[in-house]
């Protein structure tokens, strides 16, 4: 009943009968939340941008990629951003995440971040992801443990199921 009243609001196209539509929501509000990485609003802004990207808002995904580059030296903040990129199903996102795997050396301090990068890549519905993991698993620039993680990610059953459900592989 309330949803019907809300859909009649003028100049508010992001409120629909089904609720809030992130694809139509103005991007300025979540971007403002992402200006201070020390606040709780930062995480919420990134999550909302990720949700917008999952609904086809390429601009939200591009902003998240820019945030990743801007905060590349703060792995705690970068982990939040990478986690939100799991909804940005774009080949350029895959390339940016592979770049992170090459840029950040594997160590006890970086393990959580690198695991988040790998997990995010597993969830991306981009045709090339499996091949990327196979190539990474063969790259001797990485340690044996990292190559084993890449091989396991390429063989991930969730990935195969997702690919078989989608006839285009995307």
C-alpha atoms as a PDB file:
ATOM      1  CA  UNK A   1       0.000   0.000   0.000  1.00  0.00           C
ATOM      2  CA  UNK A   2       2.796   2.444   0.869  1.00  0.00           C
ATOM      3  CA  UNK A   3       4.670   1.583  -2.339  1.00  0.00           C
ATOM      4  CA  UNK A   4       1.737   2.785  -4.435  1.00  0.00           C
ATOM      5  CA  UNK A   5       1.788   6.156  -2.692  1.00  0.00           C
ATOM      6  CA  UNK A   6       5.544   6.489  -3.175  1.00  0.00           C
ATOM      7  CA  UNK A   7       5.494   5.724  -6.890  1.00  0.00           C
ATOM      8  CA  UNK A   8       3.458   8.833  -7.533  1.00  0.00           C
ATOM      9  CA  UNK A   9       6.183  11.163  -6.256  1.00  0.00           C
ATOM     10  CA  UNK A  10       7.286  13.678  -8.879  1.00  0.00           C
ATOM     11  CA  UNK A  11      10.982  13.760  -9.841  1.00  0.00           C
ATOM     12  CA  UNK A  12      11.750  10.554  -7.923  1.00  0.00           C
ATOM     13  CA  UNK A  13      12.041   7.909 -10.665  1.00  0.00           C
ATOM     14  CA  UNK A  14      14.201   5.630  -8.509  1.00  0.00           C
ATOM     15  CA  UNK A  15      11.261   4.772  -6.255  1.00  0.00           C
ATOM     16  CA  UNK A  16       9.159   2.140  -8.001  1.00  0.00           C
ATOM     17  CA  UNK A  17       6.318  -0.150  -6.978  1.00  0.00           C
ATOM     18  CA  UNK A  18       8.984  -2.736  -6.096  1.00  0.00           C
ATOM     19  CA  UNK A  19      10.965  -0.268  -3.958  1.00  0.00           C
ATOM     20  CA  UNK A  20      14.236   1.519  -4.592  1.00  0.00           C
ATOM     21  CA  UNK A  21      15.714   1.034  -8.069  1.00  0.00           C
ATOM     22  CA  UNK A  22      19.521   1.476  -7.874  1.00  0.00           C
ATOM     23  CA  UNK A  23      19.722   1.711 -11.670  1.00  0.00           C
ATOM     24  CA  UNK A  24      17.858   5.029 -11.538  1.00  0.00           C
ATOM     25  CA  UNK A  25      19.238   6.398  -8.263  1.00  0.00           C
ATOM     26  CA  UNK A  26      21.407   9.529  -8.549  1.00  0.00           C
ATOM     27  CA  UNK A  27      25.075   8.592  -8.177  1.00  0.00           C
ATOM     28  CA  UNK A  28      26.075  11.756  -6.316  1.00  0.00           C
ATOM     29  CA  UNK A  29      24.854  10.601  -2.876  1.00  0.00           C
ATOM     30  CA  UNK A  30      26.870   7.357  -2.681  1.00  0.00           C
ATOM     31  CA  UNK A  31      29.889   9.127  -4.179  1.00  0.00           C
ATOM     32  CA  UNK A  32      29.769  11.691  -1.356  1.00  0.00           C
ATOM     33  CA  UNK A  33      29.728   8.800   1.131  1.00  0.00           C
ATOM     34  CA  UNK A  34      32.959   7.495  -0.400  1.00  0.00           C
ATOM     35  CA  UNK A  35      34.981  10.635   0.251  1.00  0.00           C
ATOM     36  CA  UNK A  36      36.107   9.681   3.775  1.00  0.00           C
ATOM     37  CA  UNK A  37      37.439   6.114   4.077  1.00  0.00           C
ATOM     38  CA  UNK A  38      37.518   6.362   7.876  1.00  0.00           C
ATOM     39  CA  UNK A  39      33.732   6.618   8.227  1.00  0.00           C
ATOM     40  CA  UNK A  40      31.143   3.835   8.233  1.00  0.00           C
ATOM     41  CA  UNK A  41      29.473   5.702   5.384  1.00  0.00           C
ATOM     42  CA  UNK A  42      32.416   4.798   3.162  1.00  0.00           C
ATOM     43  CA  UNK A  43      31.590   1.087   3.305  1.00  0.00           C
ATOM     44  CA  UNK A  44      27.878   1.761   2.755  1.00  0.00           C
ATOM     45  CA  UNK A  45      28.589   4.089  -0.169  1.00  0.00           C
ATOM     46  CA  UNK A  46      30.830   1.474  -1.796  1.00  0.00           C
ATOM     47  CA  UNK A  47      28.212  -1.233  -1.283  1.00  0.00           C
ATOM     48  CA  UNK A  48      25.547   0.942  -2.867  1.00  0.00           C
ATOM     49  CA  UNK A  49      27.823   1.753  -5.816  1.00  0.00           C
ATOM     50  CA  UNK A  50      28.391  -2.003  -6.207  1.00  0.00           C
ATOM     51  CA  UNK A  51      24.635  -2.556  -6.204  1.00  0.00           C
ATOM     52  CA  UNK A  52      24.229   0.178  -8.808  1.00  0.00           C
ATOM     53  CA  UNK A  53      26.920  -1.486 -10.947  1.00  0.00           C
ATOM     54  CA  UNK A  54      25.097  -4.812 -10.685  1.00  0.00           C
ATOM     55  CA  UNK A  55      22.005  -3.111 -12.132  1.00  0.00           C
ATOM     56  CA  UNK A  56      23.899  -1.864 -15.171  1.00  0.00           C
ATOM     57  CA  UNK A  57      25.276   1.438 -13.896  1.00  0.00           C
ATOM     58  CA  UNK A  58      28.711   1.348 -15.526  1.00  0.00           C
ATOM     59  CA  UNK A  59      29.513   4.771 -14.062  1.00  0.00           C
ATOM     60  CA  UNK A  60      29.259   3.320 -10.541  1.00  0.00           C
ATOM     61  CA  UNK A  61      31.673   0.506 -11.420  1.00  0.00           C
ATOM     62  CA  UNK A  62      34.101   2.931 -13.011  1.00  0.00           C
ATOM     63  CA  UNK A  63      34.021   5.080  -9.881  1.00  0.00           C
ATOM     64  CA  UNK A  64      34.811   2.018  -7.744  1.00  0.00           C
ATOM     65  CA  UNK A  65      37.774   1.205 -10.003  1.00  0.00           C
ATOM     66  CA  UNK A  66      38.978   4.777  -9.593  1.00  0.00           C
ATOM     67  CA  UNK A  67      38.640   4.497  -5.808  1.00  0.00           C
ATOM     68  CA  UNK A  68      40.674   1.304  -5.919  1.00  0.00           C
ATOM     69  CA  UNK A  69      43.510   3.102  -7.683  1.00  0.00           C
ATOM     70  CA  UNK A  70      43.223   6.145  -5.387  1.00  0.00           C
ATOM     71  CA  UNK A  71      43.455   4.026  -2.203  1.00  0.00           C
ATOM     72  CA  UNK A  72      45.881   1.430  -3.542  1.00  0.00           C
ATOM     73  CA  UNK A  73      48.308   1.987  -0.669  1.00  0.00           C
ATOM     74  CA  UNK A  74      45.691   1.355   2.043  1.00  0.00           C
ATOM     75  CA  UNK A  75      44.898  -2.351   1.781  1.00  0.00           C
ATOM     76  CA  UNK A  76      42.125  -2.199   4.402  1.00  0.00           C
ATOM     77  CA  UNK A  77      40.245   0.378   2.337  1.00  0.00           C
ATOM     78  CA  UNK A  78      41.128  -1.363  -0.931  1.00  0.00           C
ATOM     79  CA  UNK A  79      39.666  -4.612   0.461  1.00  0.00           C
ATOM     80  CA  UNK A  80      36.299  -2.904   0.972  1.00  0.00           C
ATOM     81  CA  UNK A  81      36.369  -1.560  -2.575  1.00  0.00           C
ATOM     82  CA  UNK A  82      37.422  -4.879  -4.151  1.00  0.00           C
ATOM     83  CA  UNK A  83      34.643  -6.669  -2.289  1.00  0.00           C
ATOM     84  CA  UNK A  84      32.109  -4.258  -3.818  1.00  0.00           C
ATOM     85  CA  UNK A  85      33.518  -4.789  -7.324  1.00  0.00           C
ATOM     86  CA  UNK A  86      32.100  -8.323  -7.372  1.00  0.00           C
ATOM     87  CA  UNK A  87      28.985  -6.799  -8.923  1.00  0.00           C
ATOM     88  CA  UNK A  88      30.785  -5.018 -11.765  1.00  0.00           C
ATOM     89  CA  UNK A  89      30.795  -7.674 -14.469  1.00  0.00           C
ATOM     90  CA  UNK A  90      33.143  -6.044 -16.938  1.00  0.00           C
ATOM     91  CA  UNK A  91      36.342  -7.314 -18.549  1.00  0.00           C
ATOM     92  CA  UNK A  92      38.155  -4.106 -17.499  1.00  0.00           C
ATOM     93  CA  UNK A  93      37.319  -4.935 -13.900  1.00  0.00           C
ATOM     94  CA  UNK A  94      38.957  -8.336 -14.362  1.00  0.00           C
ATOM     95  CA  UNK A  95      42.064  -6.651 -15.796  1.00  0.00           C
ATOM     96  CA  UNK A  96      42.215  -4.216 -12.875  1.00  0.00           C
ATOM     97  CA  UNK A  97      41.977  -7.070 -10.372  1.00  0.00           C
ATOM     98  CA  UNK A  98      44.674  -9.061 -12.185  1.00  0.00           C
ATOM     99  CA  UNK A  99      46.787  -5.922 -12.000  1.00  0.00           C
ATOM    100  CA  UNK A 100      46.286  -5.941  -8.232  1.00  0.00           C
ATOM    101  CA  UNK A 101      47.468  -9.546  -8.043  1.00  0.00           C
ATOM    102  CA  UNK A 102      50.649  -8.543  -9.857  1.00  0.00           C
ATOM    103  CA  UNK A 103      51.114  -5.268  -7.952  1.00  0.00           C
ATOM    104  CA  UNK A 104      50.685  -6.503  -4.370  1.00  0.00           C
ATOM    105  CA  UNK A 105      53.302  -9.015  -3.203  1.00  0.00           C
ATOM    106  CA  UNK A 106      51.987 -12.022  -1.326  1.00  0.00           C
ATOM    107  CA  UNK A 107      52.769 -11.964   2.391  1.00  0.00           C
ATOM    108  CA  UNK A 108      51.062 -12.514   5.727  1.00  0.00           C
ATOM    109  CA  UNK A 109      50.107  -8.826   5.741  1.00  0.00           C
ATOM    110  CA  UNK A 110      48.536  -8.898   2.266  1.00  0.00           C
ATOM    111  CA  UNK A 111      46.926 -12.359   2.351  1.00  0.00           C
ATOM    112  CA  UNK A 112      43.420 -11.130   3.256  1.00  0.00           C
ATOM    113  CA  UNK A 113      43.481  -8.528   0.498  1.00  0.00           C
ATOM    114  CA  UNK A 114      44.716 -10.945  -2.164  1.00  0.00           C
ATOM    115  CA  UNK A 115      42.141 -13.549  -1.101  1.00  0.00           C
ATOM    116  CA  UNK A 116      39.432 -10.904  -1.489  1.00  0.00           C
ATOM    117  CA  UNK A 117      40.717 -10.095  -4.985  1.00  0.00           C
ATOM    118  CA  UNK A 118      40.603 -13.791  -5.951  1.00  0.00           C
ATOM    119  CA  UNK A 119      37.132 -14.282  -4.435  1.00  0.00           C
ATOM    120  CA  UNK A 120      35.823 -11.214  -6.246  1.00  0.00           C
ATOM    121  CA  UNK A 121      37.210 -12.468  -9.547  1.00  0.00           C
ATOM    122  CA  UNK A 122      35.497 -15.826  -8.966  1.00  0.00           C
ATOM    123  CA  UNK A 123      32.143 -14.067  -8.764  1.00  0.00           C
ATOM    124  CA  UNK A 124      32.521 -11.988 -11.915  1.00  0.00           C
ATOM    125  CA  UNK A 125      30.401 -13.182 -14.805  1.00  0.00           C
ATOM    126  CA  UNK A 126      32.945 -12.412 -17.472  1.00  0.00           C
ATOM    127  CA  UNK A 127      33.812 -15.048 -20.041  1.00  0.00           C
ATOM    128  CA  UNK A 128      37.561 -14.611 -19.732  1.00  0.00           C
ATOM    129  CA  UNK A 129      37.817 -15.132 -15.945  1.00  0.00           C
ATOM    130  CA  UNK A 130      38.461 -18.863 -16.083  1.00  0.00           C
ATOM    131  CA  UNK A 131      41.208 -18.429 -18.677  1.00  0.00           C
ATOM    132  CA  UNK A 132      42.753 -15.655 -16.599  1.00  0.00           C
ATOM    133  CA  UNK A 133      42.934 -17.973 -13.592  1.00  0.00           C
ATOM    134  CA  UNK A 134      44.486 -20.701 -15.752  1.00  0.00           C
ATOM    135  CA  UNK A 135      47.145 -18.267 -16.997  1.00  0.00           C
ATOM    136  CA  UNK A 136      47.855 -17.031 -13.483  1.00  0.00           C
ATOM    137  CA  UNK A 137      48.220 -20.629 -12.284  1.00  0.00           C
ATOM    138  CA  UNK A 138      51.017 -21.093 -14.850  1.00  0.00           C
ATOM    139  CA  UNK A 139      52.793 -17.805 -14.067  1.00  0.00           C
ATOM    140  CA  UNK A 140      56.037 -18.620 -12.244  1.00  0.00           C
ATOM    141  CA  UNK A 141      56.274 -15.043 -10.977  1.00  0.00           C
ATOM    142  CA  UNK A 142      53.832 -16.165  -8.271  1.00  0.00           C
ATOM    143  CA  UNK A 143      54.582 -18.522  -5.407  1.00  0.00           C
ATOM    144  CA  UNK A 144      53.502 -22.141  -5.480  1.00  0.00           C
ATOM    145  CA  UNK A 145      50.731 -21.378  -2.957  1.00  0.00           C
ATOM    146  CA  UNK A 146      49.367 -18.503  -5.019  1.00  0.00           C
ATOM    147  CA  UNK A 147      49.438 -20.565  -8.211  1.00  0.00           C
ATOM    148  CA  UNK A 148      47.523 -23.311  -6.356  1.00  0.00           C
ATOM    149  CA  UNK A 149      44.903 -20.733  -5.313  1.00  0.00           C
ATOM    150  CA  UNK A 150      44.576 -19.587  -8.917  1.00  0.00           C
ATOM    151  CA  UNK A 151      44.216 -23.168 -10.156  1.00  0.00           C
ATOM    152  CA  UNK A 152      41.547 -23.868  -7.547  1.00  0.00           C
ATOM    153  CA  UNK A 153      39.701 -20.681  -8.507  1.00  0.00           C
ATOM    154  CA  UNK A 154      39.757 -21.691 -12.185  1.00  0.00           C
ATOM    155  CA  UNK A 155      38.318 -25.095 -11.291  1.00  0.00           C
ATOM    156  CA  UNK A 156      35.729 -23.647  -8.912  1.00  0.00           C
ATOM    157  CA  UNK A 157      32.423 -25.495  -9.265  1.00  0.00           C
ATOM    158  CA  UNK A 158      30.487 -22.275  -8.678  1.00  0.00           C
ATOM    159  CA  UNK A 159      32.206 -20.784 -11.702  1.00  0.00           C
ATOM    160  CA  UNK A 160      31.400 -23.777 -13.920  1.00  0.00           C
ATOM    161  CA  UNK A 161      27.751 -23.827 -12.803  1.00  0.00           C
ATOM    162  CA  UNK A 162      27.395 -20.101 -13.421  1.00  0.00           C
ATOM    163  CA  UNK A 163      28.928 -20.462 -16.888  1.00  0.00           C
ATOM    164  CA  UNK A 164      26.685 -23.385 -17.814  1.00  0.00           C
ATOM    165  CA  UNK A 165      23.581 -21.494 -16.643  1.00  0.00           C
ATOM    166  CA  UNK A 166      24.429 -18.600 -18.924  1.00  0.00           C
ATOM    167  CA  UNK A 167      24.479 -19.686 -22.591  1.00  0.00           C
ATOM    168  CA  UNK A 168      26.611 -16.691 -23.567  1.00  0.00           C
ATOM    169  CA  UNK A 169      29.213 -17.426 -20.871  1.00  0.00           C
ATOM    170  CA  UNK A 170      28.899 -13.876 -19.604  1.00  0.00           C
END
